[in-house]
């Protein structure tokens, strides 16, 4: 039988901001008190799911509380809610309960695979359970999804470094501070899918020392809409090294005072937020320690950074080496890569090719236009790929460069739009000889020297510029009587004027013109 909860007890048990859960639906208490026309004490709840409720906190013309969405609010009786748990009790239930129930299923699977057995003897289960149930040996604990809303007694967690509190009912930073005080070894904290009340200035002064050892914090989908609330909260842990803010509906940012927050921040995850304007990202440019920035799936269409001279780099994002731009609909890749070349240390870029492009084409543009790039989509750029990409860019914009060279003003404007081109000229020389003269008709045929590296045999022949690598390969196989059963022949070409440049012809559907083959270039065949 459920006991009657009086008004005073209800107010103390469910203060405004308390997190509650009914079934799979989580929400935040916004009101505690009477409901006109109904007996007893009611809880006004704003649900995380904006379609879960019935109103916006106003019932029969009377306003009780506010909700962000028009149908996110409803009233419930306190006796409909289940009991809360402490982190201690939830962990004991998870790790110290009945051996067979509490034993980590992944641990069972791994042991079964190693022993090639589908069943364990009971003694084996007990041995694994004892290892898992010793709190002082646990380095990682997860109570995700449990009704935890307070710390409990945690002094036994002497080796704990990572704690998962996602989808729990913790709602205030006092509870998190108490956990960190009791577990000073904690460095990695996952608080995803919770809702927190922003700490006050006095609370920050009181609690911030509790977070001195914390290095990584994940606040994915925690309902942050205002960047100022993020900054206010971040004052609790000013020395944090990694923070996840993904899936929070933040749309605008502001400059960060690194004297108060993000003093040592190295990793920042802002993917699946509502930051669609890259100008907002530029406001974080003074984060001097930031190494990795994730902006995946934000709907960013254009990358624009402040202007700087073509032969200089910006004094912003001075430590940024890794940028994730996957699944953003950037419409002009050339302009985007030219802008990213302004960053002083960018080495690793992740990006989805434009719909009208493909990875190979994007790779050429990225490598040729961003001079410091070392890796694209986690694939390291080889020396051959770099030479090929740079040489393609060198050739592609040769005519534009020649036309711009007619005056200092137009040449300066050209270098603004093609920042890496001056370096390419320094590396590969002037492209004047490459640019065909206006009064000379360019032939559709080019003379190519084909070298069979295995036999040393040479075949010189004129081929159409628009012939595909697939067709060329077929002719080469027939000409040299190559055996393609055991190993397919590999083609690459050496530029006649730059013998050090070797470009793989690795896309069979592309033409010789795509690879910029010119008269007397050498195609090497290797079986």
Protein backbone atom coordinates (compact mmCIF):
# COMPACT_ATOMS: atom_id res chain seq x y z
CA UNK A 1 0.00 0.00 0.00
CA UNK A 2 1.35 3.42 -1.00
CA UNK A 3 1.60 5.86 1.91
CA UNK A 4 0.11 9.35 1.75
CA UNK A 5 2.67 12.06 1.05
CA UNK A 6 1.80 15.38 2.70
CA UNK A 7 2.43 18.76 1.06
CA UNK A 8 5.55 19.58 3.07
CA UNK A 9 7.15 16.22 2.37
CA UNK A 10 6.35 16.55 -1.34
CA UNK A 11 7.97 20.01 -1.57
CA UNK A 12 11.07 18.72 0.17
CA UNK A 13 11.22 15.52 -1.85
CA UNK A 14 10.56 17.11 -5.27
CA UNK A 15 11.93 20.68 -5.32
CA UNK A 16 11.79 22.56 -8.63
CA UNK A 17 14.42 21.12 -10.95
CA UNK A 18 14.09 17.55 -9.69
CA UNK A 19 14.35 14.93 -12.41
CA UNK A 20 11.68 12.21 -12.55
CA UNK A 21 10.95 9.26 -14.80
CA UNK A 22 7.79 7.32 -15.64
CA UNK A 23 8.35 4.35 -17.90
CA UNK A 24 10.72 5.50 -20.62
CA UNK A 25 9.78 9.16 -20.27
CA UNK A 26 12.01 11.55 -18.32
CA UNK A 27 11.08 15.04 -17.22
CA UNK A 28 11.83 17.93 -14.88
CA UNK A 29 9.65 19.11 -12.01
CA UNK A 30 8.73 22.77 -12.63
CA UNK A 31 5.91 23.19 -10.10
CA UNK A 32 4.84 21.65 -6.78
CA UNK A 33 1.48 22.55 -5.27
CA UNK A 34 -2.26 22.67 -5.72
CA UNK A 35 -4.06 22.35 -9.03
CA UNK A 36 -7.28 24.36 -9.27
CA UNK A 37 -10.32 22.05 -9.32
CA UNK A 38 -8.39 19.00 -8.07
CA UNK A 39 -7.58 17.78 -4.57
CA UNK A 40 -4.12 17.23 -3.13
CA UNK A 41 -0.61 18.17 -4.22
CA UNK A 42 0.44 17.90 -7.83
CA UNK A 43 3.74 17.99 -9.67
CA UNK A 44 3.97 20.12 -12.81
CA UNK A 45 6.40 18.35 -15.15
CA UNK A 46 8.17 19.47 -18.30
CA UNK A 47 8.93 16.34 -20.31
CA UNK A 48 12.12 15.89 -22.33
CA UNK A 49 9.96 14.60 -25.18
CA UNK A 50 8.07 17.74 -26.30
CA UNK A 51 5.14 15.59 -27.50
CA UNK A 52 4.74 13.68 -24.23
CA UNK A 53 2.69 16.35 -22.41
CA UNK A 54 -0.66 18.06 -22.93
CA UNK A 55 -0.02 21.78 -22.39
CA UNK A 56 2.63 24.45 -21.76
CA UNK A 57 2.04 24.80 -18.02
CA UNK A 58 -1.23 26.70 -18.35
CA UNK A 59 -4.45 24.83 -17.45
CA UNK A 60 -7.97 26.29 -17.70
CA UNK A 61 -6.53 29.75 -18.19
CA UNK A 62 -4.31 29.65 -15.10
CA UNK A 63 -0.54 29.68 -15.49
CA UNK A 64 1.49 27.34 -13.27
CA UNK A 65 4.88 26.96 -15.02
CA UNK A 66 6.68 27.48 -18.33
CA UNK A 67 7.79 24.90 -20.91
CA UNK A 68 10.03 25.34 -23.95
CA UNK A 69 7.54 23.55 -26.20
CA UNK A 70 3.75 24.03 -26.34
CA UNK A 71 2.85 20.43 -25.45
CA UNK A 72 5.70 19.41 -23.16
CA UNK A 73 3.90 19.93 -19.84
CA UNK A 74 1.56 17.85 -17.71
CA UNK A 75 0.56 17.29 -14.08
CA UNK A 76 1.11 14.05 -12.21
CA UNK A 77 0.48 12.76 -8.70
CA UNK A 78 3.63 12.24 -6.57
CA UNK A 79 2.56 8.69 -5.69
CA UNK A 80 2.90 7.71 -9.38
CA UNK A 81 6.69 7.99 -9.09
CA UNK A 82 9.03 5.24 -8.02
CA UNK A 83 11.78 5.58 -5.41
CA UNK A 84 15.13 7.29 -6.02
CA UNK A 85 18.46 5.51 -5.60
CA UNK A 86 21.90 6.56 -4.49
CA UNK A 87 24.91 5.89 -6.72
CA UNK A 88 26.17 3.57 -4.00
CA UNK A 89 23.01 1.44 -3.94
CA UNK A 90 22.71 1.36 -7.74
CA UNK A 91 26.33 0.25 -8.07
CA UNK A 92 25.90 -2.42 -5.38
CA UNK A 93 22.81 -3.74 -7.12
CA UNK A 94 24.63 -3.74 -10.45
CA UNK A 95 27.93 -5.21 -9.27
CA UNK A 96 27.22 -6.93 -5.94
CA UNK A 97 23.84 -8.52 -6.55
CA UNK A 98 23.17 -12.17 -7.31
CA UNK A 99 26.24 -13.56 -9.08
CA UNK A 100 24.51 -14.73 -12.22
CA UNK A 101 22.42 -11.55 -12.54
CA UNK A 102 25.12 -9.03 -11.77
CA UNK A 103 27.90 -10.65 -13.76
CA UNK A 104 28.80 -8.50 -16.76
CA UNK A 105 27.38 -10.25 -19.84
CA UNK A 106 30.22 -9.00 -22.03
CA UNK A 107 32.67 -10.60 -19.60
CA UNK A 108 30.79 -13.89 -19.90
CA UNK A 109 30.88 -13.74 -23.71
CA UNK A 110 34.59 -13.00 -23.79
CA UNK A 111 35.34 -15.87 -21.43
CA UNK A 112 33.12 -18.24 -23.39
CA UNK A 113 34.89 -17.37 -26.61
CA UNK A 114 38.32 -17.84 -25.08
CA UNK A 115 37.32 -21.26 -23.66
CA UNK A 116 35.21 -22.21 -26.71
CA UNK A 117 32.41 -23.13 -24.35
CA UNK A 118 28.76 -22.12 -24.23
CA UNK A 119 28.26 -22.84 -20.51
CA UNK A 120 30.29 -22.25 -17.32
CA UNK A 121 30.40 -24.27 -14.18
CA UNK A 122 28.96 -22.41 -11.19
CA UNK A 123 32.39 -22.13 -9.62
CA UNK A 124 33.57 -20.28 -12.75
CA UNK A 125 30.69 -17.83 -12.50
CA UNK A 126 31.43 -17.17 -8.87
CA UNK A 127 35.09 -16.51 -9.62
CA UNK A 128 34.23 -13.95 -12.28
CA UNK A 129 31.56 -12.40 -10.07
CA UNK A 130 33.97 -12.01 -7.16
CA UNK A 131 36.41 -10.16 -9.39
CA UNK A 132 33.68 -7.89 -10.68
CA UNK A 133 32.16 -7.25 -7.27
CA UNK A 134 35.26 -5.94 -5.51
CA UNK A 135 34.65 -2.21 -5.51
CA UNK A 136 38.26 -1.38 -4.76
CA UNK A 137 39.30 -3.06 -8.05
CA UNK A 138 36.74 -1.40 -10.31
CA UNK A 139 38.13 1.27 -12.64
CA UNK A 140 34.91 1.82 -14.64
CA UNK A 141 31.30 1.82 -13.46
CA UNK A 142 28.07 2.42 -15.34
CA UNK A 143 24.66 2.97 -13.75
CA UNK A 144 23.18 4.44 -16.92
CA UNK A 145 19.39 4.50 -16.92
CA UNK A 146 18.99 3.95 -13.18
CA UNK A 147 16.96 6.31 -10.90
CA UNK A 148 20.11 7.66 -9.20
CA UNK A 149 19.78 11.18 -7.75
CA UNK A 150 22.31 11.25 -4.88
CA UNK A 151 25.81 10.01 -4.07
CA UNK A 152 25.59 7.71 -1.07
CA UNK A 153 28.76 6.33 0.54
CA UNK A 154 31.49 5.87 -2.10
CA UNK A 155 34.75 5.55 -0.19
CA UNK A 156 35.18 1.95 -1.37
CA UNK A 157 35.66 3.11 -4.99
CA UNK A 158 39.38 3.63 -4.56
CA UNK A 159 40.42 2.79 -8.15
CA UNK A 160 37.48 4.30 -10.07
CA UNK A 161 38.54 6.49 -13.02
CA UNK A 162 35.48 6.43 -15.34
CA UNK A 163 31.83 6.79 -14.31
CA UNK A 164 28.75 6.66 -16.54
CA UNK A 165 25.77 8.53 -15.04
CA UNK A 166 23.90 9.06 -18.32
CA UNK A 167 20.08 8.87 -18.29
CA UNK A 168 19.91 9.04 -14.50
CA UNK A 169 17.88 11.44 -12.34
CA UNK A 170 20.76 13.60 -11.09
CA UNK A 171 19.87 17.24 -11.63
CA UNK A 172 22.13 19.45 -9.53
CA UNK A 173 25.88 19.97 -9.43
CA UNK A 174 26.02 19.59 -5.65
CA UNK A 175 25.43 15.86 -6.12
CA UNK A 176 28.14 15.62 -8.80
CA UNK A 177 30.55 17.56 -6.56
CA UNK A 178 29.86 15.18 -3.69
CA UNK A 179 30.62 12.18 -5.94
CA UNK A 180 33.90 13.73 -7.10
CA UNK A 181 34.93 14.58 -3.53
CA UNK A 182 34.40 10.99 -2.43
CA UNK A 183 36.12 9.58 -5.54
CA UNK A 184 39.22 11.74 -6.15
CA UNK A 185 40.56 9.20 -8.70
CA UNK A 186 37.69 10.03 -11.10
CA UNK A 187 38.90 11.58 -14.37
CA UNK A 188 36.18 10.63 -16.90
CA UNK A 189 32.53 11.50 -16.22
CA UNK A 190 29.61 10.82 -18.56
CA UNK A 191 26.52 12.90 -17.68
CA UNK A 192 24.74 12.57 -21.02
CA UNK A 193 20.95 12.89 -21.31
CA UNK A 194 20.46 14.55 -17.93
CA UNK A 195 19.14 18.06 -17.17
CA UNK A 196 21.01 20.29 -14.74
CA UNK A 197 20.24 23.53 -12.95
CA UNK A 198 23.06 25.98 -13.67
CA UNK A 199 25.18 26.62 -10.54
CA UNK A 200 25.18 30.03 -8.90
CA UNK A 201 28.36 32.06 -8.37
CA UNK A 202 28.47 31.16 -4.70
CA UNK A 203 27.98 27.47 -5.47
CA UNK A 204 30.85 27.58 -7.96
CA UNK A 205 33.18 29.02 -5.31
CA UNK A 206 32.06 26.33 -2.89
CA UNK A 207 32.22 23.34 -5.25
CA UNK A 208 34.91 23.95 -7.90
CA UNK A 209 37.74 22.33 -5.90
CA UNK A 210 35.84 19.03 -6.01
CA UNK A 211 36.48 18.83 -9.78
CA UNK A 212 40.24 19.47 -9.74
CA UNK A 213 41.10 15.94 -10.95
CA UNK A 214 38.38 15.70 -13.61
CA UNK A 215 39.73 15.64 -17.18
CA UNK A 216 36.86 14.51 -19.43
CA UNK A 217 33.17 15.34 -19.13
CA UNK A 218 30.38 14.38 -21.52
CA UNK A 219 27.25 16.57 -21.50
CA UNK A 220 25.62 15.20 -24.63
CA UNK A 221 21.94 16.05 -24.98
CA UNK A 222 21.67 17.84 -21.64
CA UNK A 223 19.24 20.48 -22.87
CA UNK A 224 21.68 23.39 -23.10
CA UNK A 225 20.21 26.10 -25.34
CA UNK A 226 22.17 29.13 -24.15
CA UNK A 227 25.98 29.25 -24.42
CA UNK A 228 26.10 31.45 -21.31
CA UNK A 229 24.73 28.52 -19.26
CA UNK A 230 27.53 26.33 -20.63
CA UNK A 231 30.15 28.90 -19.64
CA UNK A 232 28.61 29.39 -16.20
CA UNK A 233 28.63 25.63 -15.62
CA UNK A 234 32.17 25.27 -17.00
CA UNK A 235 33.44 27.53 -14.23
CA UNK A 236 33.05 24.49 -11.97
CA UNK A 237 35.81 22.66 -13.83
CA UNK A 238 38.10 25.33 -15.37
CA UNK A 239 40.94 22.86 -16.04
CA UNK A 240 38.84 20.33 -17.99
CA UNK A 241 40.69 18.82 -20.99
CA UNK A 242 37.80 17.34 -22.98
CA UNK A 243 34.12 18.30 -23.10
CA UNK A 244 31.27 16.82 -25.14
CA UNK A 245 28.34 19.14 -25.87
CA UNK A 246 26.95 17.23 -28.82
CA UNK A 247 23.19 17.17 -29.49
CA UNK A 248 22.49 20.29 -27.41
CA UNK A 249 20.33 22.83 -29.30
CA UNK A 250 22.90 25.63 -29.08
CA UNK A 251 22.85 28.00 -32.06
CA UNK A 252 25.00 30.94 -30.96
CA UNK A 253 28.36 31.14 -29.21
CA UNK A 254 30.32 33.93 -27.57
CA UNK A 255 33.99 34.60 -26.92
CA UNK A 256 35.43 32.62 -24.02
CA UNK A 257 37.43 34.19 -21.21
CA UNK A 258 40.10 31.53 -20.77
CA UNK A 259 41.09 33.01 -17.43
CA UNK A 260 37.87 31.53 -16.01
CA UNK A 261 37.09 28.47 -18.16
CA UNK A 262 38.63 26.04 -20.65
CA UNK A 263 42.17 26.84 -19.51
CA UNK A 264 43.49 23.45 -20.64
CA UNK A 265 40.76 22.39 -23.09
CA UNK A 266 42.12 20.10 -25.82
CA UNK A 267 38.97 18.44 -27.21
CA UNK A 268 35.58 20.03 -27.88
CA UNK A 269 32.65 18.13 -29.38
CA UNK A 270 29.88 20.31 -30.85
CA UNK A 271 28.43 17.90 -33.38
CA UNK A 272 24.67 17.76 -34.00
CA UNK A 273 24.09 21.13 -32.38
CA UNK A 274 22.33 23.99 -34.17
CA UNK A 275 25.51 25.94 -34.92
CA UNK A 276 25.12 26.39 -38.67
CA UNK A 277 27.13 29.61 -39.06
CA UNK A 278 30.92 29.21 -39.08
CA UNK A 279 31.21 32.80 -37.82
CA UNK A 280 30.00 31.43 -34.49
CA UNK A 281 32.82 28.88 -34.46
CA UNK A 282 35.35 31.66 -35.03
CA UNK A 283 34.37 33.11 -31.64
CA UNK A 284 36.21 30.17 -30.06
CA UNK A 285 39.43 31.03 -31.87
CA UNK A 286 41.13 32.23 -28.70
CA UNK A 287 41.12 28.71 -27.18
CA UNK A 288 44.89 28.37 -27.34
CA UNK A 289 45.08 24.75 -26.14
CA UNK A 290 42.30 23.34 -28.36
CA UNK A 291 43.65 20.47 -30.49
CA UNK A 292 40.48 18.70 -31.70
CA UNK A 293 37.12 20.19 -32.75
CA UNK A 294 34.11 18.11 -33.85
CA UNK A 295 31.47 19.97 -35.93
CA UNK A 296 29.91 16.94 -37.62
CA UNK A 297 26.28 17.14 -38.86
CA UNK A 298 25.68 20.80 -38.02
CA UNK A 299 24.28 21.94 -41.36
CA UNK A 300 27.27 24.23 -42.06
CA UNK A 301 27.23 25.31 -45.72
CA UNK A 302 30.22 27.64 -45.85
CA UNK A 303 33.54 28.00 -44.03
CA UNK A 304 34.72 31.58 -43.68
CA UNK A 305 37.63 32.73 -41.53
CA UNK A 306 39.00 36.27 -41.04
CA UNK A 307 41.24 37.65 -43.79
CA UNK A 308 45.01 37.34 -43.62
CA UNK A 309 47.84 37.68 -46.10
CA UNK A 310 48.31 34.62 -48.38
CA UNK A 311 51.79 33.92 -47.01
CA UNK A 312 50.72 34.11 -43.34
CA UNK A 313 48.50 32.16 -40.94
CA UNK A 314 45.83 33.40 -38.55
CA UNK A 315 46.55 33.99 -34.89
CA UNK A 316 43.55 31.91 -33.85
CA UNK A 317 42.98 28.22 -33.16
CA UNK A 318 46.76 28.16 -32.80
CA UNK A 319 46.88 24.54 -31.55
CA UNK A 320 44.02 23.07 -33.61
CA UNK A 321 45.25 19.96 -35.44
CA UNK A 322 42.06 17.96 -35.99
CA UNK A 323 38.75 19.17 -37.46
CA UNK A 324 35.70 16.99 -38.12
CA UNK A 325 33.36 18.47 -40.75
CA UNK A 326 31.64 15.21 -41.80
CA UNK A 327 28.06 15.41 -43.14
CA UNK A 328 27.94 19.20 -43.48
CA UNK A 329 26.49 20.42 -46.82
CA UNK A 330 29.46 22.64 -47.73
CA UNK A 331 28.69 23.84 -51.24
CA UNK A 332 32.13 25.07 -52.38
CA UNK A 333 34.97 22.74 -51.40
CA UNK A 334 37.71 24.82 -53.03
CA UNK A 335 36.75 27.94 -51.08
CA UNK A 336 36.35 25.92 -47.87
CA UNK A 337 39.81 24.32 -48.15
CA UNK A 338 41.39 27.64 -49.06
CA UNK A 339 39.93 29.13 -45.87
CA UNK A 340 41.12 26.20 -43.75
CA UNK A 341 44.65 26.77 -45.05
CA UNK A 342 44.65 29.89 -42.85
CA UNK A 343 44.76 27.72 -39.71
CA UNK A 344 48.34 27.45 -38.48
CA UNK A 345 48.47 23.76 -37.45
CA UNK A 346 45.61 21.87 -39.14
CA UNK A 347 46.84 18.33 -39.87
CA UNK A 348 43.79 16.03 -39.81
CA UNK A 349 40.51 16.78 -41.59
CA UNK A 350 37.34 14.70 -41.81
CA UNK A 351 34.81 15.71 -44.44
CA UNK A 352 32.15 14.13 -46.63
CA UNK A 353 32.59 14.82 -50.37
CA UNK A 354 30.19 17.17 -52.10
CA UNK A 355 27.22 15.41 -53.74
CA UNK A 356 28.64 16.22 -57.18
CA UNK A 357 32.12 15.06 -56.18
CA UNK A 358 33.73 11.93 -54.77
CA UNK A 359 36.45 11.13 -52.26
CA UNK A 360 39.31 11.08 -54.78
CA UNK A 361 38.39 14.48 -56.19
CA UNK A 362 37.91 15.92 -52.72
CA UNK A 363 41.26 14.50 -51.61
CA UNK A 364 43.09 16.23 -54.46
CA UNK A 365 41.53 19.58 -53.55
CA UNK A 366 42.07 19.19 -49.81
CA UNK A 367 45.72 18.11 -50.07
CA UNK A 368 46.57 20.58 -52.81
CA UNK A 369 44.95 23.56 -51.08
CA UNK A 370 45.71 22.94 -47.37
CA UNK A 371 49.49 22.99 -47.14
CA UNK A 372 49.81 21.47 -43.65
CA UNK A 373 47.36 18.57 -44.10
CA UNK A 374 48.62 15.08 -43.19
CA UNK A 375 45.44 13.00 -42.94
CA UNK A 376 41.96 13.02 -44.56
CA UNK A 377 39.12 10.95 -43.13
CA UNK A 378 41.62 9.09 -40.92
CA UNK A 379 43.67 8.02 -43.95
CA UNK A 380 47.28 9.18 -43.95
CA UNK A 381 48.33 11.10 -47.07
CA UNK A 382 51.19 9.34 -48.83
CA UNK A 383 54.04 11.20 -50.51
CA UNK A 384 52.72 10.05 -53.91
CA UNK A 385 49.21 11.27 -53.14
CA UNK A 386 50.59 14.63 -52.03
CA UNK A 387 52.70 15.08 -55.14
CA UNK A 388 49.80 14.08 -57.37
CA UNK A 389 47.33 16.39 -55.66
CA UNK A 390 49.70 19.35 -55.59
CA UNK A 391 50.64 18.87 -59.21
CA UNK A 392 46.98 18.65 -60.25
CA UNK A 393 46.23 21.93 -58.46
CA UNK A 394 49.38 23.45 -59.97
CA UNK A 395 48.12 22.55 -63.45
CA UNK A 396 44.46 23.34 -62.86
CA UNK A 397 45.01 26.97 -61.93
CA UNK A 398 48.00 27.62 -64.22
CA UNK A 399 46.01 29.65 -66.75
CA UNK A 400 44.26 31.65 -64.02
CA UNK A 401 47.65 32.40 -62.46
CA UNK A 402 49.09 33.49 -65.82
CA UNK A 403 46.19 35.86 -66.44
CA UNK A 404 46.38 37.23 -62.89
CA UNK A 405 50.12 37.85 -63.27
CA UNK A 406 49.42 40.81 -65.57
CA UNK A 407 49.15 43.17 -62.59
CA UNK A 408 50.18 43.11 -58.89
CA UNK A 409 46.58 43.75 -57.80
CA UNK A 410 45.06 40.83 -59.69
CA UNK A 411 47.92 38.54 -58.67
CA UNK A 412 47.38 39.43 -55.00
CA UNK A 413 43.68 38.67 -55.39
CA UNK A 414 44.55 35.34 -57.05
CA UNK A 415 46.76 34.33 -54.13
CA UNK A 416 43.98 35.20 -51.69
CA UNK A 417 41.73 32.69 -53.44
CA UNK A 418 44.52 30.13 -53.95
CA UNK A 419 46.69 30.47 -50.87
CA UNK A 420 48.84 27.40 -51.49
CA UNK A 421 49.71 28.28 -55.10
CA UNK A 422 52.82 30.34 -54.29
CA UNK A 423 54.24 27.32 -52.45
CA UNK A 424 53.39 25.06 -55.40
CA UNK A 425 55.25 27.38 -57.79
CA UNK A 426 58.21 27.35 -55.45
CA UNK A 427 58.08 23.55 -55.42
CA UNK A 428 57.27 22.77 -59.09
CA UNK A 429 58.37 25.91 -60.86
CA UNK A 430 56.48 28.41 -63.00
CA UNK A 431 53.54 26.91 -64.92
CA UNK A 432 54.12 29.22 -67.90
CA UNK A 433 55.36 26.38 -70.10
CA UNK A 434 52.40 24.24 -69.17
CA UNK A 435 49.81 26.83 -70.24
CA UNK A 436 49.06 26.33 -73.96
CA UNK A 437 49.41 29.37 -76.15
CA UNK A 438 46.17 30.91 -77.35
CA UNK A 439 47.04 30.66 -81.03
CA UNK A 440 48.01 26.99 -80.87
CA UNK A 441 45.25 24.45 -81.21
CA UNK A 442 45.47 21.74 -78.58
CA UNK A 443 45.39 18.28 -80.11
CA UNK A 444 42.96 15.69 -78.82
CA UNK A 445 45.79 13.15 -79.05
CA UNK A 446 48.82 12.96 -76.80
CA UNK A 447 51.97 10.92 -77.31
CA UNK A 448 52.68 8.71 -74.28
CA UNK A 449 55.60 6.44 -73.56
CA UNK A 450 54.48 3.19 -71.85
CA UNK A 451 57.11 1.26 -69.89
CA UNK A 452 56.78 -2.40 -68.88
CA UNK A 453 58.85 -2.31 -65.67
CA UNK A 454 59.20 -6.08 -65.56
CA UNK A 455 60.70 -6.51 -69.05
CA UNK A 456 61.94 -3.00 -69.80
CA UNK A 457 59.93 -2.99 -73.04
CA UNK A 458 58.77 0.46 -74.20
CA UNK A 459 55.69 1.28 -76.29
CA UNK A 460 55.22 4.77 -77.69
CA UNK A 461 51.80 5.66 -79.06
CA UNK A 462 49.35 8.53 -79.38
CA UNK A 463 46.16 8.15 -77.35
CA UNK A 464 43.00 10.31 -77.09
CA UNK A 465 43.03 12.60 -74.05
CA UNK A 466 39.56 11.36 -73.12
CA UNK A 467 40.43 7.66 -73.12
CA UNK A 468 39.71 6.06 -69.75
CA UNK A 469 42.32 4.33 -67.62
CA UNK A 470 40.24 1.14 -67.99
CA UNK A 471 40.51 1.25 -71.79
CA UNK A 472 44.20 2.14 -71.67
CA UNK A 473 44.84 -0.78 -69.32
CA UNK A 474 43.09 -3.15 -71.73
CA UNK A 475 45.28 -1.99 -74.62
CA UNK A 476 48.42 -2.36 -72.49
CA UNK A 477 47.48 -5.91 -71.42
CA UNK A 478 46.95 -6.87 -75.07
CA UNK A 479 50.15 -5.12 -76.25
CA UNK A 480 52.45 -6.67 -73.64
CA UNK A 481 50.55 -10.00 -73.39
CA UNK A 482 50.18 -9.58 -69.64
CA UNK A 483 48.77 -12.28 -67.35
CA UNK A 484 45.90 -10.68 -65.38
CA UNK A 485 44.68 -13.86 -63.72
CA UNK A 486 46.99 -13.83 -60.71
CA UNK A 487 47.50 -10.08 -60.32
CA UNK A 488 45.95 -7.04 -62.00
CA UNK A 489 48.53 -4.66 -63.52
CA UNK A 490 49.03 -1.33 -61.71
CA UNK A 491 49.54 1.90 -63.64
CA UNK A 492 51.18 5.16 -62.67
CA UNK A 493 52.69 8.00 -64.66
CA UNK A 494 55.80 10.16 -64.37
CA UNK A 495 55.67 13.76 -65.54
CA UNK A 496 58.19 14.32 -68.37
CA UNK A 497 59.17 17.76 -67.02
CA UNK A 498 59.15 16.73 -63.36
CA UNK A 499 60.50 13.15 -63.14
CA UNK A 500 60.24 13.18 -59.36
CA UNK A 501 56.44 13.36 -59.64
CA UNK A 502 54.79 9.91 -59.76
CA UNK A 503 50.98 9.78 -59.88
CA UNK A 504 49.01 6.48 -59.50
CA UNK A 505 46.33 5.94 -62.15
CA UNK A 506 44.14 4.17 -59.63
CA UNK A 507 40.65 5.17 -60.79
CA UNK A 508 39.75 3.11 -63.84
CA UNK A 509 36.75 5.25 -64.76
CA UNK A 510 38.74 8.50 -65.02
CA UNK A 511 40.28 9.82 -68.25
CA UNK A 512 43.89 10.68 -69.06
CA UNK A 513 42.79 14.29 -69.19
CA UNK A 514 41.48 14.02 -65.60
CA UNK A 515 44.96 12.94 -64.50
CA UNK A 516 46.49 15.81 -66.53
CA UNK A 517 48.72 13.57 -68.66
CA UNK A 518 50.71 15.59 -71.18
CA UNK A 519 52.85 14.96 -74.24
CA UNK A 520 55.76 12.54 -73.61
CA UNK A 521 54.71 11.61 -70.07
CA UNK A 522 55.74 8.09 -69.07
CA UNK A 523 53.15 5.50 -67.97
CA UNK A 524 54.72 2.70 -65.97
CA UNK A 525 53.15 -0.78 -65.87
CA UNK A 526 53.81 -3.02 -62.89
CA UNK A 527 52.49 -6.57 -62.56
